[in-house]
C-alpha atoms as a PDB file:
ATOM      1  CA  MET A   1     138.446  64.414 150.318  1.00  0.00           C
ATOM      2  CA  LYS A   2     138.711  65.713 146.526  1.00  0.00           C
ATOM      3  CA  ASP A   3     140.913  63.510 144.325  1.00  0.00           C
ATOM      4  CA  GLU A   4     143.196  66.514 143.916  1.00  0.00           C
ATOM      5  CA  ASP A   5     143.922  66.882 147.663  1.00  0.00           C
ATOM      6  CA  LYS A   6     144.964  63.229 147.990  1.00  0.00           C
ATOM      7  CA  LEU A   7     148.527  62.216 148.496  1.00  0.00           C
ATOM      8  CA  LYS A   8     150.407  61.445 145.139  1.00  0.00           C
ATOM      9  CA  PHE A   9     154.003  60.649 144.390  1.00  0.00           C
ATOM     10  CA  HIS A  10     156.514  61.525 141.270  1.00  0.00           C
ATOM     11  CA  MET A  11     159.535  59.448 140.171  1.00  0.00           C
ATOM     12  CA  LYS A  12     162.150  60.502 137.833  1.00  0.00           C
ATOM     13  CA  LEU A  13     164.342  57.802 136.479  1.00  0.00           C
ATOM     14  CA  ARG A  14     167.827  58.412 135.082  1.00  0.00           C
ATOM     15  CA  LEU A  15     170.314  56.148 133.116  1.00  0.00           C
ATOM     16  CA  TYR A  16     173.868  56.751 133.642  1.00  0.00           C
ATOM     17  CA  ARG A  17     177.296  55.445 134.103  1.00  0.00           C
ATOM     18  CA  ARG A  18     178.992  58.308 135.965  1.00  0.00           C
ATOM     19  CA  GLU A  19     176.706  61.359 135.686  1.00  0.00           C
ATOM     20  CA  ARG A  20     172.914  61.441 135.583  1.00  0.00           C
ATOM     21  CA  ASP A  21     172.288  62.930 132.353  1.00  0.00           C
ATOM     22  CA  PHE A  22     169.923  60.548 130.553  1.00  0.00           C
ATOM     23  CA  GLY A  23     166.341  60.966 131.681  1.00  0.00           C
ATOM     24  CA  PRO A  24     163.200  62.846 131.184  1.00  0.00           C
ATOM     25  CA  GLY A  25     164.640  65.866 129.474  1.00  0.00           C
ATOM     26  CA  VAL A  26     167.128  64.039 126.971  1.00  0.00           C
ATOM     27  CA  THR A  27     164.055  61.602 126.357  1.00  0.00           C
ATOM     28  CA  ALA A  28     161.737  64.487 125.343  1.00  0.00           C
ATOM     29  CA  LEU A  29     164.225  65.980 123.231  1.00  0.00           C
ATOM     30  CA  MET A  30     164.904  62.731 121.382  1.00  0.00           C
ATOM     31  CA  GLU A  31     161.150  62.033 120.873  1.00  0.00           C
ATOM     32  CA  LEU A  32     160.726  65.350 119.178  1.00  0.00           C
ATOM     33  CA  VAL A  33     163.728  64.841 116.874  1.00  0.00           C
ATOM     34  CA  LYS A  34     162.332  61.476 115.926  1.00  0.00           C
ATOM     35  CA  GLU A  35     158.901  63.117 115.312  1.00  0.00           C
ATOM     36  CA  LYS A  36     160.192  66.318 113.542  1.00  0.00           C
ATOM     37  CA  GLY A  37     163.401  65.041 111.832  1.00  0.00           C
ATOM     38  CA  SER A  38     164.923  68.040 113.072  1.00  0.00           C
ATOM     39  CA  LEU A  39     167.000  69.021 116.303  1.00  0.00           C
ATOM     40  CA  SER A  40     166.380  72.758 115.709  1.00  0.00           C
ATOM     41  CA  ALA A  41     162.506  71.998 115.355  1.00  0.00           C
ATOM     42  CA  ALA A  42     162.612  70.081 118.472  1.00  0.00           C
ATOM     43  CA  THR A  43     164.611  72.840 120.411  1.00  0.00           C
ATOM     44  CA  LYS A  44     162.152  75.377 119.000  1.00  0.00           C
ATOM     45  CA  GLU A  45     158.894  73.458 120.360  1.00  0.00           C
ATOM     46  CA  MET A  46     160.748  72.768 123.690  1.00  0.00           C
ATOM     47  CA  GLY A  47     161.826  76.524 124.012  1.00  0.00           C
ATOM     48  CA  MET A  48     165.378  75.598 124.407  1.00  0.00           C
ATOM     49  CA  ALA A  49     168.504  76.941 122.840  1.00  0.00           C
ATOM     50  CA  TYR A  50     170.045  74.710 120.231  1.00  0.00           C
ATOM     51  CA  SER A  51     173.319  74.970 121.632  1.00  0.00           C
ATOM     52  CA  LYS A  52     172.281  73.839 125.005  1.00  0.00           C
ATOM     53  CA  ALA A  53     170.301  70.892 123.334  1.00  0.00           C
ATOM     54  CA  TRP A  54     173.664  69.879 121.663  1.00  0.00           C
ATOM     55  CA  LYS A  55     175.401  70.065 125.070  1.00  0.00           C
ATOM     56  CA  ILE A  56     172.679  67.909 126.805  1.00  0.00           C
ATOM     57  CA  ILE A  57     173.014  65.297 123.977  1.00  0.00           C
ATOM     58  CA  LYS A  58     176.896  65.167 124.005  1.00  0.00           C
ATOM     59  CA  HIS A  59     177.188  64.954 127.801  1.00  0.00           C
ATOM     60  CA  ALA A  60     174.667  62.020 127.411  1.00  0.00           C
ATOM     61  CA  GLU A  61     176.535  60.215 124.759  1.00  0.00           C
ATOM     62  CA  GLU A  62     179.782  60.745 126.402  1.00  0.00           C
ATOM     63  CA  ASP A  63     178.682  59.251 129.537  1.00  0.00           C
ATOM     64  CA  LEU A  64     176.703  56.405 128.026  1.00  0.00           C
ATOM     65  CA  GLY A  65     179.362  55.740 125.294  1.00  0.00           C
ATOM     66  CA  ILE A  66     177.050  55.686 122.474  1.00  0.00           C
ATOM     67  CA  THR A  67     175.841  58.135 119.853  1.00  0.00           C
ATOM     68  CA  LEU A  68     172.350  59.101 120.207  1.00  0.00           C
ATOM     69  CA  MET A  69     171.613  61.290 117.006  1.00  0.00           C
ATOM     70  CA  GLU A  70     173.383  62.471 114.187  1.00  0.00           C
ATOM     71  CA  GLY A  71     172.904  65.362 111.866  1.00  0.00           C
ATOM     72  CA  ARG A  72     172.285  64.887 108.060  1.00  0.00           C
ATOM     73  CA  SER A  73     173.418  67.235 105.378  1.00  0.00           C
ATOM     74  CA  GLY A  74     170.463  67.967 102.966  1.00  0.00           C
ATOM     75  CA  GLY A  75     171.334  69.590  99.770  1.00  0.00           C
ATOM     76  CA  ASN A  76     168.137  70.793  98.034  1.00  0.00           C
ATOM     77  CA  SER A  77     165.812  69.184 100.514  1.00  0.00           C
ATOM     78  CA  GLY A  78     167.663  70.394 103.649  1.00  0.00           C
ATOM     79  CA  GLY A  79     169.387  68.799 106.337  1.00  0.00           C
ATOM     80  CA  GLY A  80     168.056  67.333 109.560  1.00  0.00           C
ATOM     81  CA  THR A  81     168.746  65.140 112.624  1.00  0.00           C
ATOM     82  CA  VAL A  82     167.848  61.508 113.128  1.00  0.00           C
ATOM     83  CA  LEU A  83     168.206  59.028 115.893  1.00  0.00           C
ATOM     84  CA  THR A  84     171.046  56.365 115.429  1.00  0.00           C
ATOM     85  CA  LYS A  85     170.072  52.835 115.858  1.00  0.00           C
ATOM     86  CA  GLU A  86     171.656  52.825 119.116  1.00  0.00           C
ATOM     87  CA  GLY A  87     169.640  56.014 120.203  1.00  0.00           C
ATOM     88  CA  GLU A  88     166.298  54.435 118.930  1.00  0.00           C
ATOM     89  CA  GLU A  89     167.012  51.384 120.976  1.00  0.00           C
ATOM     90  CA  LEU A  90     167.993  53.097 124.106  1.00  0.00           C
ATOM     91  CA  LEU A  91     165.075  55.294 123.867  1.00  0.00           C
ATOM     92  CA  THR A  92     162.541  52.484 123.336  1.00  0.00           C
ATOM     93  CA  LYS A  93     164.169  50.521 126.396  1.00  0.00           C
ATOM     94  CA  TYR A  94     163.935  53.671 128.476  1.00  0.00           C
ATOM     95  CA  GLN A  95     160.267  54.255 127.852  1.00  0.00           C
ATOM     96  CA  GLN A  96     159.540  50.748 128.362  1.00  0.00           C
ATOM     97  CA  PHE A  97     161.594  50.653 131.842  1.00  0.00           C
ATOM     98  CA  THR A  98     159.943  53.951 132.897  1.00  0.00           C
ATOM     99  CA  LYS A  99     156.384  52.747 131.955  1.00  0.00           C
ATOM    100  CA  GLU A 100     156.915  49.488 133.920  1.00  0.00           C
ATOM    101  CA  SER A 101     158.523  51.423 136.772  1.00  0.00           C
ATOM    102  CA  GLN A 102     155.744  53.639 137.233  1.00  0.00           C
ATOM    103  CA  ILE A 103     153.149  50.495 137.225  1.00  0.00           C
ATOM    104  CA  GLU A 104     155.070  48.767 139.930  1.00  0.00           C
ATOM    105  CA  ALA A 105     155.832  51.817 142.122  1.00  0.00           C
ATOM    106  CA  GLU A 106     151.843  52.971 142.025  1.00  0.00           C
ATOM    107  CA  LYS A 107     151.270  49.368 143.401  1.00  0.00           C
ATOM    108  CA  ILE A 108     153.751  49.802 146.110  1.00  0.00           C
ATOM    109  CA  PHE A 109     152.580  53.265 146.773  1.00  0.00           C
ATOM    110  CA  LYS A 110     149.041  52.127 147.347  1.00  0.00           C
ATOM    111  CA  ARG A 111     149.930  49.226 149.463  1.00  0.00           C
ATOM    112  CA  ILE A 112     152.175  51.291 151.810  1.00  0.00           C
ATOM    113  CA  PHE A 113     149.827  54.618 151.963  1.00  0.00           C
ATOM    114  CA  ALA A 114     146.434  52.995 151.613  1.00  0.00           C
ATOM    115  CA  ASP A 115     145.103  54.411 154.891  1.00  0.00           C
ATOM    116  CA  PHE A 116     147.220  57.640 154.785  1.00  0.00           C
ATOM    117  CA  ASP A 117     144.137  59.803 153.264  1.00  0.00           C
ATOM    118  CA  SER A 118     141.590  58.104 155.380  1.00  0.00           C
END
């Protein structure tokens, strides 16, 4: 059996208090803002409307009770967007959580489905 035909799994982890609104999408947006220093540049790369990105971020912030990113006025050098200290910390912890969860889930998957594709 080809590797591409073997059984696989996919997990999507989200953090939330009431609504499931902090997950892979918000994380990708935050990673791009961190890299590019601009929400506008991040949304362009993702092919997402700027207004939609702000709504997604604001919903996550409201649910989690922390500010994830903030805009900065720029004067001559232009403005930008940066992650807050709390946003950086949450992003780092979420990335660690998803990485470790994936490793453990792969172990469980292999144990439970070891003979499935035999």
